[in-house]
N, C-alpha and C. Protein backbone atom coordinates (compact mmCIF):
# COMPACT_ATOMS: atom_id res chain seq x y z
N ALA A 1 50.43 -60.25 -13.22
CA ALA A 1 51.30 -59.17 -13.50
C ALA A 1 49.86 -58.12 -15.04
N ARG A 2 48.47 -58.36 -15.25
CA ARG A 2 47.64 -57.89 -15.55
C ARG A 2 47.27 -57.37 -14.51
N ALA A 3 47.23 -57.51 -12.91
CA ALA A 3 46.43 -56.54 -12.63
C ALA A 3 47.35 -55.35 -12.23
N GLU A 4 48.72 -55.40 -12.14
CA GLU A 4 50.20 -54.25 -11.88
C GLU A 4 49.61 -53.44 -13.36
N GLU A 5 49.09 -54.39 -14.27
CA GLU A 5 49.23 -53.33 -15.70
C GLU A 5 47.98 -52.56 -15.50
N ALA A 6 47.05 -52.47 -15.22
CA ALA A 6 45.90 -52.14 -14.68
C ALA A 6 46.53 -50.93 -13.83
N ARG A 7 46.92 -51.93 -12.73
CA ARG A 7 47.07 -50.24 -11.42
C ARG A 7 47.69 -49.00 -12.76
N ALA A 8 49.04 -49.66 -13.22
CA ALA A 8 49.79 -48.63 -13.62
C ALA A 8 49.22 -47.45 -14.91
N GLU A 9 48.01 -48.38 -15.54
CA GLU A 9 46.81 -47.90 -16.54
C GLU A 9 46.21 -46.62 -15.92
N GLU A 10 45.78 -46.77 -14.71
CA GLU A 10 44.66 -46.21 -13.69
C GLU A 10 45.39 -45.25 -13.23
N ALA A 11 46.69 -45.34 -12.60
CA ALA A 11 47.72 -44.58 -12.34
C ALA A 11 47.88 -43.82 -13.54
N ARG A 12 48.38 -43.96 -14.98
CA ARG A 12 48.31 -43.14 -15.72
C ARG A 12 47.36 -42.36 -16.24
N ALA A 13 46.03 -42.56 -15.92
CA ALA A 13 44.82 -42.23 -16.44
C ALA A 13 44.69 -41.37 -15.79
N GLU A 14 45.05 -41.05 -14.13
CA GLU A 14 44.62 -40.44 -12.98
C GLU A 14 45.95 -38.78 -13.17
N GLU A 15 46.75 -39.64 -13.16
CA GLU A 15 47.92 -38.27 -13.85
C GLU A 15 47.93 -37.30 -14.92
N ALA A 16 46.46 -38.47 -16.26
CA ALA A 16 46.25 -37.19 -17.96
C ALA A 16 44.93 -36.40 -16.83
N ALA A 17 44.22 -36.81 -16.13
CA ALA A 17 43.29 -35.75 -15.56
C ALA A 17 43.75 -35.00 -14.82
N CYS A 18 44.73 -35.33 -13.49
CA CYS A 18 44.87 -33.96 -13.12
C CYS A 18 46.19 -33.52 -13.75
N ALA A 19 46.54 -33.27 -14.40
CA ALA A 19 47.40 -32.76 -15.59
C ALA A 19 46.59 -31.64 -16.13
N GLU A 20 45.73 -33.26 -16.74
CA GLU A 20 43.69 -31.67 -17.47
C GLU A 20 43.66 -30.61 -16.75
N ALA A 21 43.16 -31.11 -15.37
CA ALA A 21 42.76 -30.60 -14.37
C ALA A 21 43.72 -29.06 -14.27
N ARG A 22 45.18 -29.81 -13.87
CA ARG A 22 46.06 -27.91 -13.86
C ARG A 22 46.00 -27.27 -14.48
N SER A 23 46.22 -27.78 -16.36
CA SER A 23 46.06 -27.36 -17.69
C SER A 23 44.92 -26.04 -17.31
N CYS A 24 44.10 -26.99 -17.35
CA CYS A 24 41.93 -26.00 -17.14
C CYS A 24 42.29 -24.91 -15.90
N ASP A 25 43.23 -25.33 -15.15
CA ASP A 25 43.26 -24.21 -13.94
C ASP A 25 44.05 -22.56 -14.15
N ALA A 26 45.36 -23.51 -14.36
CA ALA A 26 46.40 -22.56 -15.36
C ALA A 26 45.36 -21.52 -15.84
N SER A 27 44.52 -22.49 -16.91
CA SER A 27 43.90 -21.04 -17.99
C SER A 27 42.98 -20.63 -17.63
N ARG A 28 42.77 -21.29 -16.65
CA ARG A 28 41.59 -20.12 -15.67
C ARG A 28 41.95 -19.02 -15.17
N HIS A 29 43.68 -19.40 -14.66
CA HIS A 29 44.29 -18.26 -14.13
C HIS A 29 44.43 -16.80 -15.03
N ALA A 30 44.97 -17.77 -16.32
CA ALA A 30 45.13 -16.75 -17.65
C ALA A 30 44.85 -16.47 -17.61
N GLU A 31 43.61 -16.52 -17.78
CA GLU A 31 42.06 -15.56 -18.63
C GLU A 31 41.28 -14.69 -17.36
N GLU A 32 41.66 -15.40 -15.74
CA GLU A 32 41.56 -14.18 -15.32
C GLU A 32 42.60 -12.70 -15.29
N ALA A 33 43.41 -13.18 -14.70
CA ALA A 33 44.78 -11.79 -15.50
C ALA A 33 44.62 -11.92 -16.45
N CYS A 34 44.51 -12.17 -17.81
CA CYS A 34 44.21 -11.19 -19.01
C CYS A 34 42.86 -10.18 -19.21
N LYS A 35 42.26 -10.56 -17.99
CA LYS A 35 41.20 -9.89 -18.09
C LYS A 35 41.06 -8.91 -17.11
N ARG A 36 41.82 -9.28 -15.97
CA ARG A 36 42.31 -7.53 -14.98
C ARG A 36 43.26 -7.25 -15.59
N ALA A 37 44.06 -7.39 -16.67
CA ALA A 37 45.11 -6.92 -17.73
C ALA A 37 43.97 -5.66 -18.73
N GLU A 38 43.42 -6.47 -19.41
CA GLU A 38 42.56 -5.17 -20.14
C GLU A 38 41.27 -4.31 -19.46
N GLU A 39 41.15 -5.03 -18.26
CA GLU A 39 40.33 -3.77 -17.28
C GLU A 39 41.28 -2.16 -16.59
N ARG A 40 42.03 -2.96 -16.67
CA ARG A 40 43.65 -1.82 -16.10
C ARG A 40 43.84 -1.18 -17.45
N LYS A 41 43.92 -1.83 -18.63
CA LYS A 41 45.02 -0.91 -19.63
C LYS A 41 43.45 0.46 -20.13
N GLN A 42 42.20 -0.16 -19.85
CA GLN A 42 41.51 0.41 -20.56
C GLN A 42 41.34 1.68 -19.11
N ALA A 43 41.30 1.00 -17.91
CA ALA A 43 40.98 2.25 -17.02
C ALA A 43 42.16 2.81 -17.19
N ALA A 44 43.21 2.70 -17.60
CA ALA A 44 44.42 3.73 -18.17
C ALA A 44 44.11 4.63 -19.44
N ASN A 45 42.86 4.17 -20.47
CA ASN A 45 42.79 5.01 -21.67
C ASN A 45 42.22 5.73 -21.67
N GLU A 46 41.15 5.68 -20.42
CA GLU A 46 40.17 6.81 -20.08
C GLU A 46 40.84 7.33 -19.59
N ARG A 47 41.64 6.80 -18.74
CA ARG A 47 42.90 8.38 -17.93
C ARG A 47 43.12 9.11 -18.85
N VAL A 48 43.79 8.42 -20.01
CA VAL A 48 44.43 9.26 -20.50
C VAL A 48 43.54 10.91 -21.72
N ASP A 49 42.04 9.33 -21.56
CA ASP A 49 41.06 10.21 -22.64
C ASP A 49 41.29 11.67 -22.03
N ARG A 50 40.50 11.83 -20.23
CA ARG A 50 40.53 12.14 -19.40
C ARG A 50 41.60 13.55 -19.28
N ALA A 51 42.74 13.10 -19.47
CA ALA A 51 43.78 13.93 -19.86
C ALA A 51 43.82 14.95 -20.89
N LYS A 52 43.78 14.00 -21.77
CA LYS A 52 43.98 15.00 -22.54
C LYS A 52 42.39 15.94 -23.37
N HIS A 53 41.68 15.44 -22.69
CA HIS A 53 40.30 16.66 -22.60
C HIS A 53 40.55 17.98 -21.87
N ALA A 54 40.87 17.40 -20.64
CA ALA A 54 41.30 19.04 -19.70
C ALA A 54 42.60 19.42 -20.51
N GLU A 55 43.37 18.60 -21.05
CA GLU A 55 44.52 19.55 -21.24
C GLU A 55 43.92 20.81 -22.50
N GLU A 56 42.90 19.97 -23.06
CA GLU A 56 42.19 20.64 -24.65
C GLU A 56 41.75 22.08 -23.64
N GLU A 57 41.42 21.42 -22.77
CA GLU A 57 39.94 23.29 -21.89
C GLU A 57 40.62 23.64 -21.10
N ALA A 58 41.68 22.93 -20.68
CA ALA A 58 42.97 24.40 -20.17
C ALA A 58 43.87 25.36 -21.65
N ARG A 59 43.68 24.55 -22.41
CA ARG A 59 44.37 25.22 -23.74
C ARG A 59 43.03 26.84 -24.02
N LYS A 60 42.05 25.72 -24.36
CA LYS A 60 40.99 26.68 -24.56
C LYS A 60 40.60 28.02 -23.85
N ARG A 61 40.73 28.22 -22.43
CA ARG A 61 40.52 29.01 -21.52
C ARG A 61 42.08 29.97 -21.33
N ALA A 62 43.50 28.86 -21.57
CA ALA A 62 44.77 29.81 -21.87
C ALA A 62 44.24 30.70 -23.17
N GLU A 63 43.83 30.51 -24.62
CA GLU A 63 43.70 31.21 -25.52
C GLU A 63 42.67 32.38 -25.32
N GLU A 64 41.37 32.23 -24.98
CA GLU A 64 40.86 33.22 -24.53
C GLU A 64 40.95 33.87 -23.04
N ALA A 65 41.75 33.55 -22.17
CA ALA A 65 42.28 34.75 -21.38
C ALA A 65 43.28 35.87 -22.65
N LEU A 66 44.05 35.28 -22.83
CA LEU A 66 44.63 35.93 -24.15
C LEU A 66 44.59 36.90 -24.79
N ARG A 67 43.09 36.61 -25.54
CA ARG A 67 42.66 37.25 -26.15
C ARG A 67 41.87 38.20 -25.89
N HIS A 68 41.48 37.92 -24.21
CA HIS A 68 40.72 39.14 -23.42
C HIS A 68 42.26 40.04 -23.37
N ALA A 69 43.27 39.40 -23.33
CA ALA A 69 44.62 40.58 -22.12
C ALA A 69 45.05 41.36 -23.28
N GLU A 70 44.58 40.76 -24.96
CA GLU A 70 45.14 41.14 -25.66
C GLU A 70 43.80 42.35 -26.50
N GLU A 71 42.54 42.21 -25.83
CA GLU A 71 41.53 42.96 -26.39
C GLU A 71 41.71 43.91 -25.23
N ALA A 72 42.06 43.89 -23.73
CA ALA A 72 42.36 44.68 -22.85
C ALA A 72 43.50 45.89 -23.37
N ARG A 73 45.41 45.30 -23.72
CA ARG A 73 45.45 46.04 -23.92
C ARG A 73 45.44 46.84 -25.25
N ASN A 74 44.96 46.34 -26.05
CA ASN A 74 44.23 47.20 -27.48
C ASN A 74 43.38 48.41 -26.93
N ARG A 75 42.30 48.22 -25.85
CA ARG A 75 41.21 49.50 -25.74
C ARG A 75 42.24 50.74 -24.56
N ALA A 76 43.54 50.42 -24.16
CA ALA A 76 44.16 50.86 -22.44
C ALA A 76 45.05 51.60 -24.40
N GLU A 77 45.38 51.23 -24.88
CA GLU A 77 46.54 51.26 -26.08
C GLU A 77 45.59 53.09 -26.81
N GLU A 78 44.44 52.60 -27.31
CA GLU A 78 43.14 53.90 -27.65
C GLU A 78 42.84 55.13 -26.68
N ARG A 79 42.57 54.36 -25.34
CA ARG A 79 42.38 55.39 -23.94
C ARG A 79 43.95 56.02 -24.89
N THR A 80 45.14 55.19 -24.51
CA THR A 80 46.41 56.65 -24.23
C THR A 80 46.47 57.15 -25.61
N GLN A 81 46.11 56.83 -26.84
CA GLN A 81 46.30 57.61 -28.08
C GLN A 81 45.44 58.06 -28.17
N ALA A 82 43.87 58.53 -27.35
CA ALA A 82 42.76 59.47 -27.14
C ALA A 82 43.37 60.82 -26.37
N ALA A 83 43.83 60.50 -25.64
CA ALA A 83 44.47 61.40 -24.39
C ALA A 83 45.66 62.27 -24.78
N ASN A 84 46.49 61.33 -25.52
CA ASN A 84 47.58 62.23 -26.83
C ASN A 84 47.12 63.41 -27.01
N ASP A 85 46.16 63.02 -27.44
CA ASP A 85 45.30 63.50 -28.89
C ASP A 85 44.66 64.72 -28.04
N ARG A 86 44.24 65.38 -26.95
CA ARG A 86 43.45 66.06 -26.37
C ARG A 86 44.17 66.69 -25.54
N VAL A 87 45.61 66.29 -25.25
CA VAL A 87 47.06 66.56 -24.19
C VAL A 87 47.39 68.17 -26.04
N ASP A 88 47.46 67.46 -27.26
CA ASP A 88 47.84 67.91 -27.95
C ASP A 88 46.69 69.21 -28.57
N ARG A 89 45.38 68.64 -28.18
CA ARG A 89 44.94 70.03 -29.07
C ARG A 89 44.86 71.15 -28.13
N ALA A 90 44.76 70.87 -26.32
CA ALA A 90 44.85 71.40 -25.66
C ALA A 90 46.18 72.14 -25.77
N LYS A 91 46.84 72.42 -26.07
CA LYS A 91 48.79 72.64 -26.38
C LYS A 91 48.12 73.29 -27.25
N HIS A 92 47.60 72.72 -28.92
CA HIS A 92 47.19 73.57 -29.90
C HIS A 92 46.82 75.13 -29.54
N GLU A 93 45.41 74.48 -28.67
CA GLU A 93 44.46 75.71 -29.11
C GLU A 93 45.73 76.94 -27.72
N GLU A 94 45.95 76.45 -26.58
CA GLU A 94 46.75 77.22 -25.64
C GLU A 94 47.16 78.59 -26.70
N GLU A 95 48.59 77.52 -27.59
CA GLU A 95 49.27 78.47 -28.07
C GLU A 95 49.18 79.35 -28.76
N GLU A 96 47.86 79.06 -30.14
CA GLU A 96 46.49 79.30 -30.60
C GLU A 96 46.13 80.72 -29.39
N ALA A 97 45.85 81.03 -28.78
CA ALA A 97 45.78 81.65 -27.63
C ALA A 97 46.66 82.95 -27.17
N ARG A 98 47.43 82.11 -27.05
CA ARG A 98 48.79 82.87 -26.93
C ARG A 98 48.89 84.10 -28.09
N LYS A 99 49.26 83.19 -29.03
CA LYS A 99 49.46 84.62 -30.16
C LYS A 99 48.46 85.52 -30.42
N ARG A 100 46.82 85.22 -30.12
CA ARG A 100 45.98 86.06 -30.00
C ARG A 100 46.64 87.27 -29.37
N ALA A 101 46.63 86.80 -27.86
CA ALA A 101 46.44 87.30 -26.98
C ALA A 101 47.51 88.46 -27.12
N GLU A 102 48.95 88.36 -27.93
CA GLU A 102 50.19 88.97 -28.57
C GLU A 102 49.78 90.62 -28.82
């Protein structure tokens, strides 16, 4: 009976050792999966940061292009006004010359 009890105790010890080994193995796999998940999260965060930076740069370029377009429009309006002023002066001078000629 003692031999049988010893064998049973040995079997329980072996099973406990196997369970502990399985637990350690599962823990190691979980740690590895956690590490991979953390790496994926970090890579995603880096992609988000790059996208935000690119968006900010695009916004700045768009604002700069808009500013240049507004400046060009203002210059065109100034040239148009100057041309209109010259036309008005020429018409006035022509009218004055016509009156003097009469």
